[in-house]
PDB file of N, CA and C in Angstrom:
ATOM      1  N   MET A   1     351.571 -65.422 144.279  1.00  0.00           N
ATOM      2  CA  MET A   1     351.868 -66.839 144.270  1.00  0.00           C
ATOM      3  C   MET A   1     351.255 -67.544 145.472  1.00  0.00           C
ATOM      4  N   ALA A   2     351.303 -66.901 146.630  1.00  0.00           N
ATOM      5  CA  ALA A   2     350.747 -67.520 147.837  1.00  0.00           C
ATOM      6  C   ALA A   2     349.256 -67.788 147.664  1.00  0.00           C
ATOM      7  N   ASP A   3     348.544 -66.872 146.981  1.00  0.00           N
ATOM      8  CA  ASP A   3     347.115 -67.080 146.772  1.00  0.00           C
ATOM      9  C   ASP A   3     346.858 -68.291 145.882  1.00  0.00           C
ATOM     10  N   VAL A   4     347.694 -68.504 144.883  1.00  0.00           N
ATOM     11  CA  VAL A   4     347.538 -69.670 144.008  1.00  0.00           C
ATOM     12  C   VAL A   4     347.781 -70.955 144.805  1.00  0.00           C
ATOM     13  N   ILE A   5     348.779 -70.943 145.661  1.00  0.00           N
ATOM     14  CA  ILE A   5     349.059 -72.119 146.495  1.00  0.00           C
ATOM     15  C   ILE A   5     347.883 -72.387 147.426  1.00  0.00           C
ATOM     16  N   TYR A   6     347.327 -71.335 148.017  1.00  0.00           N
ATOM     17  CA  TYR A   6     346.171 -71.510 148.899  1.00  0.00           C
ATOM     18  C   TYR A   6     344.979 -72.070 148.119  1.00  0.00           C
ATOM     19  N   LYS A   7     344.699 -71.502 146.929  1.00  0.00           N
ATOM     20  CA  LYS A   7     343.586 -72.001 146.119  1.00  0.00           C
ATOM     21  C   LYS A   7     343.785 -73.471 145.775  1.00  0.00           C
ATOM     22  N   ARG A   8     344.999 -73.824 145.404  1.00  0.00           N
ATOM     23  CA  ARG A   8     345.293 -75.207 145.036  1.00  0.00           C
ATOM     24  C   ARG A   8     345.074 -76.132 146.241  1.00  0.00           C
ATOM     25  N   CYS A   9     345.553 -75.718 147.402  1.00  0.00           N
ATOM     26  CA  CYS A   9     345.399 -76.511 148.622  1.00  0.00           C
ATOM     27  C   CYS A   9     343.913 -76.608 148.996  1.00  0.00           C
ATOM     28  N   TYR A  10     343.204 -75.493 148.884  1.00  0.00           N
ATOM     29  CA  TYR A  10     341.770 -75.477 149.176  1.00  0.00           C
ATOM     30  C   TYR A  10     341.043 -76.468 148.272  1.00  0.00           C
ATOM     31  N   PHE A  11     341.379 -76.452 147.004  1.00  0.00           N
ATOM     32  CA  PHE A  11     340.739 -77.369 146.052  1.00  0.00           C
ATOM     33  C   PHE A  11     341.125 -78.818 146.345  1.00  0.00           C
ATOM     34  N   ASP A  12     342.426 -79.067 146.555  1.00  0.00           N
ATOM     35  CA  ASP A  12     342.900 -80.430 146.813  1.00  0.00           C
ATOM     36  C   ASP A  12     342.208 -81.070 148.010  1.00  0.00           C
ATOM     37  N   TRP A  13     341.907 -80.261 149.021  1.00  0.00           N
ATOM     38  CA  TRP A  13     341.308 -80.792 150.248  1.00  0.00           C
ATOM     39  C   TRP A  13     339.799 -80.580 150.303  1.00  0.00           C
ATOM     40  N   GLY A  14     339.210 -80.180 149.182  1.00  0.00           N
ATOM     41  CA  GLY A  14     337.761 -80.066 149.108  1.00  0.00           C
ATOM     42  C   GLY A  14     337.175 -79.016 150.034  1.00  0.00           C
ATOM     43  N   GLY A  15     338.001 -78.010 150.393  1.00  0.00           N
ATOM     44  CA  GLY A  15     337.508 -76.946 151.255  1.00  0.00           C
ATOM     45  C   GLY A  15     337.303 -77.379 152.706  1.00  0.00           C
ATOM     46  N   ARG A  16     337.938 -78.484 153.093  1.00  0.00           N
ATOM     47  CA  ARG A  16     337.756 -79.021 154.449  1.00  0.00           C
ATOM     48  C   ARG A  16     339.094 -79.226 155.136  1.00  0.00           C
ATOM     49  N   CYS A  17     339.076 -79.100 156.455  1.00  0.00           N
ATOM     50  CA  CYS A  17     340.284 -79.322 157.247  1.00  0.00           C
ATOM     51  C   CYS A  17     340.729 -80.775 157.088  1.00  0.00           C
ATOM     52  N   ALA A  18     341.996 -80.963 156.808  1.00  0.00           N
ATOM     53  CA  ALA A  18     342.538 -82.310 156.618  1.00  0.00           C
ATOM     54  C   ALA A  18     342.440 -83.152 157.886  1.00  0.00           C
ATOM     55  N   TYR A  19     342.457 -82.509 159.033  1.00  0.00           N
ATOM     56  CA  TYR A  19     342.495 -83.236 160.303  1.00  0.00           C
ATOM     57  C   TYR A  19     341.117 -83.525 160.886  1.00  0.00           C
ATOM     58  N   CYS A  20     340.225 -82.517 160.900  1.00  0.00           N
ATOM     59  CA  CYS A  20     338.913 -82.708 161.549  1.00  0.00           C
ATOM     60  C   CYS A  20     337.740 -82.668 160.575  1.00  0.00           C
ATOM     61  N   ASP A  21     337.986 -82.373 159.301  1.00  0.00           N
ATOM     62  CA  ASP A  21     336.987 -82.372 158.234  1.00  0.00           C
ATOM     63  C   ASP A  21     335.957 -81.241 158.337  1.00  0.00           C
ATOM     64  N   VAL A  22     336.230 -80.217 159.133  1.00  0.00           N
ATOM     65  CA  VAL A  22     335.302 -79.092 159.207  1.00  0.00           C
ATOM     66  C   VAL A  22     335.386 -78.296 157.903  1.00  0.00           C
ATOM     67  N   ALA A  23     334.229 -77.795 157.451  1.00  0.00           N
ATOM     68  CA  ALA A  23     334.188 -76.970 156.245  1.00  0.00           C
ATOM     69  C   ALA A  23     334.829 -75.619 156.542  1.00  0.00           C
ATOM     70  N   LEU A  24     335.621 -75.132 155.598  1.00  0.00           N
ATOM     71  CA  LEU A  24     336.360 -73.883 155.783  1.00  0.00           C
ATOM     72  C   LEU A  24     336.000 -72.874 154.705  1.00  0.00           C
ATOM     73  N   PRO A  25     336.023 -71.578 155.057  1.00  0.00           N
ATOM     74  CA  PRO A  25     335.720 -70.551 154.057  1.00  0.00           C
ATOM     75  C   PRO A  25     336.884 -70.388 153.085  1.00  0.00           C
ATOM     76  N   ARG A  26     336.577 -70.014 151.885  1.00  0.00           N
ATOM     77  CA  ARG A  26     337.602 -69.799 150.870  1.00  0.00           C
ATOM     78  C   ARG A  26     338.259 -68.426 151.016  1.00  0.00           C
ATOM     79  N   ILE A  27     337.481 -67.451 151.457  1.00  0.00           N
ATOM     80  CA  ILE A  27     337.989 -66.085 151.463  1.00  0.00           C
ATOM     81  C   ILE A  27     338.226 -65.587 152.877  1.00  0.00           C
ATOM     82  N   LYS A  28     338.877 -64.437 152.963  1.00  0.00           N
ATOM     83  CA  LYS A  28     339.113 -63.826 154.270  1.00  0.00           C
ATOM     84  C   LYS A  28     337.787 -63.386 154.871  1.00  0.00           C
ATOM     85  N   THR A  29     337.653 -63.589 156.147  1.00  0.00           N
ATOM     86  CA  THR A  29     336.460 -63.175 156.863  1.00  0.00           C
ATOM     87  C   THR A  29     336.893 -62.197 157.946  1.00  0.00           C
ATOM     88  N   GLY A  30     336.408 -60.998 157.887  1.00  0.00           N
ATOM     89  CA  GLY A  30     336.791 -59.995 158.874  1.00  0.00           C
ATOM     90  C   GLY A  30     338.290 -59.743 158.884  1.00  0.00           C
ATOM     91  N   GLY A  31     338.917 -59.881 157.708  1.00  0.00           N
ATOM     92  CA  GLY A  31     340.348 -59.636 157.613  1.00  0.00           C
ATOM     93  C   GLY A  31     341.215 -60.816 158.009  1.00  0.00           C
ATOM     94  N   LYS A  32     340.586 -61.924 158.435  1.00  0.00           N
ATOM     95  CA  LYS A  32     341.365 -63.090 158.859  1.00  0.00           C
ATOM     96  C   LYS A  32     340.922 -64.313 158.078  1.00  0.00           C
ATOM     97  N   ILE A  33     341.873 -65.100 157.638  1.00  0.00           N
ATOM     98  CA  ILE A  33     341.535 -66.365 157.004  1.00  0.00           C
ATOM     99  C   ILE A  33     341.379 -67.381 158.123  1.00  0.00           C
ATOM    100  N   LYS A  34     340.278 -68.076 158.136  1.00  0.00           N
ATOM    101  CA  LYS A  34     340.033 -69.040 159.197  1.00  0.00           C
ATOM    102  C   LYS A  34     340.637 -70.395 158.885  1.00  0.00           C
ATOM    103  N   ALA A  35     341.350 -70.468 157.804  1.00  0.00           N
ATOM    104  CA  ALA A  35     342.032 -71.694 157.421  1.00  0.00           C
ATOM    105  C   ALA A  35     343.476 -71.347 157.112  1.00  0.00           C
ATOM    106  N   SER A  36     344.305 -72.335 157.172  1.00  0.00           N
ATOM    107  CA  SER A  36     345.710 -72.108 156.865  1.00  0.00           C
ATOM    108  C   SER A  36     346.270 -73.331 156.153  1.00  0.00           C
ATOM    109  N   ILE A  37     347.439 -73.158 155.623  1.00  0.00           N
ATOM    110  CA  ILE A  37     348.155 -74.278 155.028  1.00  0.00           C
ATOM    111  C   ILE A  37     349.131 -74.791 156.076  1.00  0.00           C
ATOM    112  N   ASP A  38     349.089 -76.084 156.306  1.00  0.00           N
ATOM    113  CA  ASP A  38     349.996 -76.710 157.266  1.00  0.00           C
ATOM    114  C   ASP A  38     350.890 -77.678 156.505  1.00  0.00           C
ATOM    115  N   HIS A  39     352.138 -77.732 156.910  1.00  0.00           N
ATOM    116  CA  HIS A  39     353.042 -78.738 156.342  1.00  0.00           C
ATOM    117  C   HIS A  39     352.882 -79.995 157.175  1.00  0.00           C
ATOM    118  N   PHE A  40     352.370 -81.057 156.558  1.00  0.00           N
ATOM    119  CA  PHE A  40     352.081 -82.298 157.274  1.00  0.00           C
ATOM    120  C   PHE A  40     353.324 -82.790 158.015  1.00  0.00           C
ATOM    121  N   ILE A  41     354.417 -82.911 157.299  1.00  0.00           N
ATOM    122  CA  ILE A  41     355.706 -83.163 157.951  1.00  0.00           C
ATOM    123  C   ILE A  41     356.354 -81.792 158.066  1.00  0.00           C
ATOM    124  N   PRO A  42     356.546 -81.303 159.285  1.00  0.00           N
ATOM    125  CA  PRO A  42     357.053 -79.942 159.461  1.00  0.00           C
ATOM    126  C   PRO A  42     358.357 -79.689 158.704  1.00  0.00           C
ATOM    127  N   LEU A  43     358.469 -78.488 158.156  1.00  0.00           N
ATOM    128  CA  LEU A  43     359.689 -78.117 157.436  1.00  0.00           C
ATOM    129  C   LEU A  43     360.908 -78.275 158.337  1.00  0.00           C
ATOM    130  N   ALA A  44     360.761 -77.920 159.601  1.00  0.00           N
ATOM    131  CA  ALA A  44     361.880 -78.013 160.553  1.00  0.00           C
ATOM    132  C   ALA A  44     362.329 -79.446 160.801  1.00  0.00           C
ATOM    133  N   LYS A  45     361.467 -80.407 160.405  1.00  0.00           N
ATOM    134  CA  LYS A  45     361.804 -81.814 160.614  1.00  0.00           C
ATOM    135  C   LYS A  45     362.018 -82.534 159.284  1.00  0.00           C
ATOM    136  N   GLY A  46     362.361 -81.770 158.260  1.00  0.00           N
ATOM    137  CA  GLY A  46     362.711 -82.363 156.976  1.00  0.00           C
ATOM    138  C   GLY A  46     361.604 -82.420 155.952  1.00  0.00           C
ATOM    139  N   GLY A  47     360.423 -81.898 156.275  1.00  0.00           N
ATOM    140  CA  GLY A  47     359.330 -81.897 155.311  1.00  0.00           C
ATOM    141  C   GLY A  47     359.617 -80.936 154.168  1.00  0.00           C
ATOM    142  N   LYS A  48     359.040 -81.201 153.042  1.00  0.00           N
ATOM    143  CA  LYS A  48     359.239 -80.358 151.863  1.00  0.00           C
ATOM    144  C   LYS A  48     358.078 -79.364 151.726  1.00  0.00           C
ATOM    145  N   ASN A  49     358.373 -78.242 151.115  1.00  0.00           N
ATOM    146  CA  ASN A  49     357.340 -77.257 150.828  1.00  0.00           C
ATOM    147  C   ASN A  49     356.787 -77.565 149.440  1.00  0.00           C
ATOM    148  N   SER A  50     356.022 -78.649 149.379  1.00  0.00           N
ATOM    149  CA  SER A  50     355.474 -79.102 148.101  1.00  0.00           C
ATOM    150  C   SER A  50     354.015 -79.493 148.285  1.00  0.00           C
ATOM    151  N   ARG A  51     353.333 -79.625 147.189  1.00  0.00           N
ATOM    152  CA  ARG A  51     351.925 -80.011 147.193  1.00  0.00           C
ATOM    153  C   ARG A  51     351.717 -81.332 147.933  1.00  0.00           C
ATOM    154  N   ALA A  52     352.682 -82.225 147.863  1.00  0.00           N
ATOM    155  CA  ALA A  52     352.579 -83.535 148.501  1.00  0.00           C
ATOM    156  C   ALA A  52     352.774 -83.470 150.018  1.00  0.00           C
ATOM    157  N   ASN A  53     353.019 -82.279 150.562  1.00  0.00           N
ATOM    158  CA  ASN A  53     353.216 -82.132 152.005  1.00  0.00           C
ATOM    159  C   ASN A  53     352.369 -81.008 152.595  1.00  0.00           C
ATOM    160  N   ARG A  54     351.519 -80.371 151.772  1.00  0.00           N
ATOM    161  CA  ARG A  54     350.689 -79.263 152.257  1.00  0.00           C
ATOM    162  C   ARG A  54     349.257 -79.725 152.453  1.00  0.00           C
ATOM    163  N   VAL A  55     348.693 -79.369 153.595  1.00  0.00           N
ATOM    164  CA  VAL A  55     347.298 -79.689 153.873  1.00  0.00           C
ATOM    165  C   VAL A  55     346.552 -78.423 154.242  1.00  0.00           C
ATOM    166  N   LEU A  56     345.258 -78.427 154.003  1.00  0.00           N
ATOM    167  CA  LEU A  56     344.394 -77.345 154.451  1.00  0.00           C
ATOM    168  C   LEU A  56     344.008 -77.667 155.888  1.00  0.00           C
ATOM    169  N   SER A  57     344.128 -76.693 156.760  1.00  0.00           N
ATOM    170  CA  SER A  57     343.876 -76.934 158.175  1.00  0.00           C
ATOM    171  C   SER A  57     343.141 -75.761 158.792  1.00  0.00           C
ATOM    172  N   CYS A  58     342.195 -76.069 159.693  1.00  0.00           N
ATOM    173  CA  CYS A  58     341.586 -74.997 160.479  1.00  0.00           C
ATOM    174  C   CYS A  58     342.617 -74.567 161.518  1.00  0.00           C
ATOM    175  N   TYR A  59     342.474 -73.351 162.025  1.00  0.00           N
ATOM    176  CA  TYR A  59     343.454 -72.857 162.994  1.00  0.00           C
ATOM    177  C   TYR A  59     343.542 -73.723 164.251  1.00  0.00           C
ATOM    178  N   PRO A  60     342.412 -74.168 164.829  1.00  0.00           N
ATOM    179  CA  PRO A  60     342.549 -75.000 166.034  1.00  0.00           C
ATOM    180  C   PRO A  60     343.359 -76.280 165.796  1.00  0.00           C
ATOM    181  N   CYS A  61     343.129 -76.945 164.678  1.00  0.00           N
ATOM    182  CA  CYS A  61     343.899 -78.165 164.380  1.00  0.00           C
ATOM    183  C   CYS A  61     345.361 -77.841 164.104  1.00  0.00           C
ATOM    184  N   ASN A  62     345.605 -76.758 163.380  1.00  0.00           N
ATOM    185  CA  ASN A  62     346.978 -76.375 163.082  1.00  0.00           C
ATOM    186  C   ASN A  62     347.737 -76.075 164.374  1.00  0.00           C
ATOM    187  N   LEU A  63     347.095 -75.362 165.277  1.00  0.00           N
ATOM    188  CA  LEU A  63     347.737 -75.047 166.555  1.00  0.00           C
ATOM    189  C   LEU A  63     347.944 -76.304 167.398  1.00  0.00           C
ATOM    190  N   ALA A  64     346.957 -77.202 167.398  1.00  0.00           N
ATOM    191  CA  ALA A  64     347.072 -78.428 168.190  1.00  0.00           C
ATOM    192  C   ALA A  64     348.164 -79.342 167.640  1.00  0.00           C
ATOM    193  N   LYS A  65     348.267 -79.415 166.317  1.00  0.00           N
ATOM    194  CA  LYS A  65     349.296 -80.265 165.706  1.00  0.00           C
ATOM    195  C   LYS A  65     350.677 -79.694 165.973  1.00  0.00           C
ATOM    196  N   ASP A  66     350.786 -78.376 165.934  1.00  0.00           N
ATOM    197  CA  ASP A  66     352.041 -77.681 166.195  1.00  0.00           C
ATOM    198  C   ASP A  66     353.137 -78.245 165.285  1.00  0.00           C
ATOM    199  N   ASP A  67     354.252 -78.697 165.835  1.00  0.00           N
ATOM    200  CA  ASP A  67     355.322 -79.252 164.998  1.00  0.00           C
ATOM    201  C   ASP A  67     355.422 -80.768 165.152  1.00  0.00           C
ATOM    202  N   THR A  68     354.275 -81.394 165.453  1.00  0.00           N
ATOM    203  CA  THR A  68     354.240 -82.848 165.571  1.00  0.00           C
ATOM    204  C   THR A  68     354.628 -83.476 164.236  1.00  0.00           C
ATOM    205  N   ASP A  69     355.492 -84.457 164.298  1.00  0.00           N
ATOM    206  CA  ASP A  69     355.907 -85.186 163.103  1.00  0.00           C
ATOM    207  C   ASP A  69     355.121 -86.495 163.062  1.00  0.00           C
ATOM    208  N   PRO A  70     354.193 -86.638 162.102  1.00  0.00           N
ATOM    209  CA  PRO A  70     353.368 -87.846 162.048  1.00  0.00           C
ATOM    210  C   PRO A  70     354.177 -89.131 161.850  1.00  0.00           C
ATOM    211  N   ARG A  71     355.404 -89.027 161.368  1.00  0.00           N
ATOM    212  CA  ARG A  71     356.243 -90.228 161.218  1.00  0.00           C
ATOM    213  C   ARG A  71     356.643 -90.773 162.584  1.00  0.00           C
ATOM    214  N   GLU A  72     356.669 -89.897 163.585  1.00  0.00           N
ATOM    215  CA  GLU A  72     357.048 -90.312 164.940  1.00  0.00           C
ATOM    216  C   GLU A  72     355.844 -90.773 165.760  1.00  0.00           C
ATOM    217  N   THR A  73     354.657 -90.252 165.444  1.00  0.00           N
ATOM    218  CA  THR A  73     353.472 -90.529 166.259  1.00  0.00           C
ATOM    219  C   THR A  73     352.467 -91.478 165.604  1.00  0.00           C
ATOM    220  N   ASN A  74     352.627 -91.737 164.327  1.00  0.00           N
ATOM    221  CA  ASN A  74     351.674 -92.557 163.560  1.00  0.00           C
ATOM    222  C   ASN A  74     350.253 -92.003 163.614  1.00  0.00           C
ATOM    223  N   GLN A  75     350.144 -90.691 163.740  1.00  0.00           N
ATOM    224  CA  GLN A  75     348.842 -90.037 163.731  1.00  0.00           C
ATOM    225  C   GLN A  75     348.440 -89.692 162.302  1.00  0.00           C
ATOM    226  N   TRP A  76     347.183 -89.551 162.100  1.00  0.00           N
ATOM    227  CA  TRP A  76     346.580 -89.078 160.848  1.00  0.00           C
ATOM    228  C   TRP A  76     346.948 -89.913 159.606  1.00  0.00           C
ATOM    229  N   PRO A  77     346.777 -91.231 159.665  1.00  0.00           N
ATOM    230  CA  PRO A  77     347.084 -92.033 158.468  1.00  0.00           C
ATOM    231  C   PRO A  77     346.199 -91.667 157.279  1.00  0.00           C
ATOM    232  N   HIS A  78     344.962 -91.216 157.545  1.00  0.00           N
ATOM    233  CA  HIS A  78     344.073 -90.814 156.451  1.00  0.00           C
ATOM    234  C   HIS A  78     344.635 -89.609 155.700  1.00  0.00           C
ATOM    235  N   VAL A  79     345.314 -88.721 156.407  1.00  0.00           N
ATOM    236  CA  VAL A  79     345.907 -87.546 155.769  1.00  0.00           C
ATOM    237  C   VAL A  79     347.076 -87.971 154.890  1.00  0.00           C
ATOM    238  N   GLU A  80     347.874 -88.868 155.391  1.00  0.00           N
ATOM    239  CA  GLU A  80     349.019 -89.363 154.620  1.00  0.00           C
ATOM    240  C   GLU A  80     348.554 -90.047 153.327  1.00  0.00           C
ATOM    241  N   GLN A  81     347.478 -90.824 153.405  1.00  0.00           N
ATOM    242  CA  GLN A  81     346.938 -91.495 152.217  1.00  0.00           C
ATOM    243  C   GLN A  81     346.394 -90.476 151.221  1.00  0.00           C
ATOM    244  N   ARG A  82     345.711 -89.464 151.726  1.00  0.00           N
ATOM    245  CA  ARG A  82     345.163 -88.432 150.845  1.00  0.00           C
ATOM    246  C   ARG A  82     346.279 -87.635 150.170  1.00  0.00           C
ATOM    247  N   LEU A  83     347.346 -87.336 150.908  1.00  0.00           N
ATOM    248  CA  LEU A  83     348.483 -86.627 150.318  1.00  0.00           C
ATOM    249  C   LEU A  83     349.094 -87.430 149.176  1.00  0.00           C
ATOM    250  N   ALA A  84     349.180 -88.735 149.330  1.00  0.00           N
ATOM    251  CA  ALA A  84     349.722 -89.586 148.262  1.00  0.00           C
ATOM    252  C   ALA A  84     348.831 -89.501 147.022  1.00  0.00           C
ATOM    253  N   ALA A  85     347.519 -89.509 147.232  1.00  0.00           N
ATOM    254  CA  ALA A  85     346.587 -89.402 146.103  1.00  0.00           C
ATOM    255  C   ALA A  85     346.687 -88.031 145.445  1.00  0.00           C
ATOM    256  N   ILE A  86     346.816 -86.990 146.237  1.00  0.00           N
ATOM    257  CA  ILE A  86     346.956 -85.629 145.698  1.00  0.00           C
ATOM    258  C   ILE A  86     348.236 -85.522 144.875  1.00  0.00           C
ATOM    259  N   ALA A  87     349.322 -86.065 145.398  1.00  0.00           N
ATOM    260  CA  ALA A  87     350.609 -86.004 144.691  1.00  0.00           C
ATOM    261  C   ALA A  87     350.539 -86.719 143.351  1.00  0.00           C
ATOM    262  N   ALA A  88     349.722 -87.756 143.261  1.00  0.00           N
ATOM    263  CA  ALA A  88     349.609 -88.531 142.022  1.00  0.00           C
ATOM    264  C   ALA A  88     348.612 -87.916 141.037  1.00  0.00           C
ATOM    265  N   SER A  89     347.823 -86.951 141.486  1.00  0.00           N
ATOM    266  CA  SER A  89     346.808 -86.367 140.613  1.00  0.00           C
ATOM    267  C   SER A  89     347.401 -85.246 139.763  1.00  0.00           C
ATOM    268  N   PRO A  90     346.772 -84.968 138.627  1.00  0.00           N
ATOM    269  CA  PRO A  90     347.288 -83.897 137.763  1.00  0.00           C
ATOM    270  C   PRO A  90     347.141 -82.537 138.434  1.00  0.00           C
ATOM    271  N   LEU A  91     348.066 -81.667 138.117  1.00  0.00           N
ATOM    272  CA  LEU A  91     348.069 -80.308 138.645  1.00  0.00           C
ATOM    273  C   LEU A  91     347.178 -79.442 137.763  1.00  0.00           C
ATOM    274  N   LEU A  92     346.167 -78.820 138.345  1.00  0.00           N
ATOM    275  CA  LEU A  92     345.280 -77.951 137.588  1.00  0.00           C
ATOM    276  C   LEU A  92     345.934 -76.596 137.372  1.00  0.00           C
ATOM    277  N   SER A  93     345.610 -75.991 136.256  1.00  0.00           N
ATOM    278  CA  SER A  93     346.121 -74.641 135.983  1.00  0.00           C
ATOM    279  C   SER A  93     345.400 -73.632 136.861  1.00  0.00           C
ATOM    280  N   HIS A  94     345.973 -72.444 136.973  1.00  0.00           N
ATOM    281  CA  HIS A  94     345.332 -71.389 137.754  1.00  0.00           C
ATOM    282  C   HIS A  94     343.978 -71.038 137.161  1.00  0.00           C
ATOM    283  N   GLY A  95     343.872 -71.030 135.840  1.00  0.00           N
ATOM    284  CA  GLY A  95     342.593 -70.746 135.182  1.00  0.00           C
ATOM    285  C   GLY A  95     341.535 -71.771 135.530  1.00  0.00           C
ATOM    286  N   GLN A  96     341.914 -73.045 135.554  1.00  0.00           N
ATOM    287  CA  GLN A  96     340.968 -74.098 135.936  1.00  0.00           C
ATOM    288  C   GLN A  96     340.531 -73.927 137.388  1.00  0.00           C
ATOM    289  N   LEU A  97     341.473 -73.598 138.261  1.00  0.00           N
ATOM    290  CA  LEU A  97     341.132 -73.378 139.666  1.00  0.00           C
ATOM    291  C   LEU A  97     340.145 -72.226 139.812  1.00  0.00           C
ATOM    292  N   LYS A  98     340.368 -71.140 139.077  1.00  0.00           N
ATOM    293  CA  LYS A  98     339.479 -69.977 139.161  1.00  0.00           C
ATOM    294  C   LYS A  98     338.056 -70.357 138.770  1.00  0.00           C
ATOM    295  N   ARG A  99     337.911 -71.273 137.822  1.00  0.00           N
ATOM    296  CA  ARG A  99     336.571 -71.705 137.409  1.00  0.00           C
ATOM    297  C   ARG A  99     335.952 -72.684 138.405  1.00  0.00           C
ATOM    298  N   LEU A 100     336.763 -73.530 139.035  1.00  0.00           N
ATOM    299  CA  LEU A 100     336.242 -74.584 139.903  1.00  0.00           C
ATOM    300  C   LEU A 100     336.003 -74.159 141.352  1.00  0.00           C
ATOM    301  N   ILE A 101     336.784 -73.225 141.861  1.00  0.00           N
ATOM    302  CA  ILE A 101     336.688 -72.829 143.268  1.00  0.00           C
ATOM    303  C   ILE A 101     335.289 -72.322 143.641  1.00  0.00           C
ATOM    304  N   PRO A 102     334.646 -71.451 142.844  1.00  0.00           N
ATOM    305  CA  PRO A 102     333.307 -70.982 143.252  1.00  0.00           C
ATOM    306  C   PRO A 102     332.305 -72.125 143.447  1.00  0.00           C
ATOM    307  N   GLU A 103     332.354 -73.126 142.589  1.00  0.00           N
ATOM    308  CA  GLU A 103     331.452 -74.270 142.735  1.00  0.00           C
ATOM    309  C   GLU A 103     331.789 -75.071 143.989  1.00  0.00           C
ATOM    310  N   LEU A 104     333.061 -75.243 144.270  1.00  0.00           N
ATOM    311  CA  LEU A 104     333.458 -75.957 145.480  1.00  0.00           C
ATOM    312  C   LEU A 104     332.996 -75.217 146.728  1.00  0.00           C
ATOM    313  N   VAL A 105     333.104 -73.898 146.721  1.00  0.00           N
ATOM    314  CA  VAL A 105     332.660 -73.096 147.860  1.00  0.00           C
ATOM    315  C   VAL A 105     331.175 -73.325 148.097  1.00  0.00           C
ATOM    316  N   LYS A 106     330.382 -73.387 147.029  1.00  0.00           N
ATOM    317  CA  LYS A 106     328.945 -73.658 147.163  1.00  0.00           C
ATOM    318  C   LYS A 106     328.715 -75.032 147.776  1.00  0.00           C
ATOM    319  N   GLN A 107     329.475 -76.031 147.334  1.00  0.00           N
ATOM    320  CA  GLN A 107     329.322 -77.391 147.845  1.00  0.00           C
ATOM    321  C   GLN A 107     329.678 -77.490 149.312  1.00  0.00           C
ATOM    322  N   VAL A 108     330.727 -76.781 149.706  1.00  0.00           N
ATOM    323  CA  VAL A 108     331.162 -76.810 151.108  1.00  0.00           C
ATOM    324  C   VAL A 108     330.141 -76.068 151.966  1.00  0.00           C
ATOM    325  N   SER A 109     329.443 -75.136 151.361  1.00  0.00           N
ATOM    326  CA  SER A 109     328.383 -74.334 151.979  1.00  0.00           C
ATOM    327  C   SER A 109     328.798 -73.666 153.281  1.00  0.00           C
ATOM    328  N   VAL A 110     329.905 -72.970 153.214  1.00  0.00           N
ATOM    329  CA  VAL A 110     330.364 -72.162 154.332  1.00  0.00           C
ATOM    330  C   VAL A 110     330.044 -70.725 154.005  1.00  0.00           C
ATOM    331  N   GLU A 111     329.499 -70.037 154.939  1.00  0.00           N
ATOM    332  CA  GLU A 111     329.222 -68.632 154.734  1.00  0.00           C
ATOM    333  C   GLU A 111     330.538 -67.873 154.685  1.00  0.00           C
ATOM    334  N   ALA A 112     330.796 -67.215 153.566  1.00  0.00           N
ATOM    335  CA  ALA A 112     332.066 -66.505 153.387  1.00  0.00           C
ATOM    336  C   ALA A 112     331.958 -65.047 153.717  1.00  0.00           C
TER     337      ALA A 112
END
């Protein structure tokens, strides 16, 4: 299930970090994934574990954001707008994701 959530998040964010827009690899590299899923509004601060609150993030941005609550800092308005658009978009099936992810990886052009 975690892999499906990661694929969905990777697709929703176009294979790029929500915060700095760096292209991210889809697969594990050297046993480590260089991207992670971040909860935009931290779970500890009332955020939900849902598609409308999950972003794809590179490790440096995820670490820098830490448990910052964007509602308190007014940071990353572009991320909040994108999350609203993602929440309103149709949910793709796992089969559709399996077909679309390889093409997205090519477009992002990150060496995997």
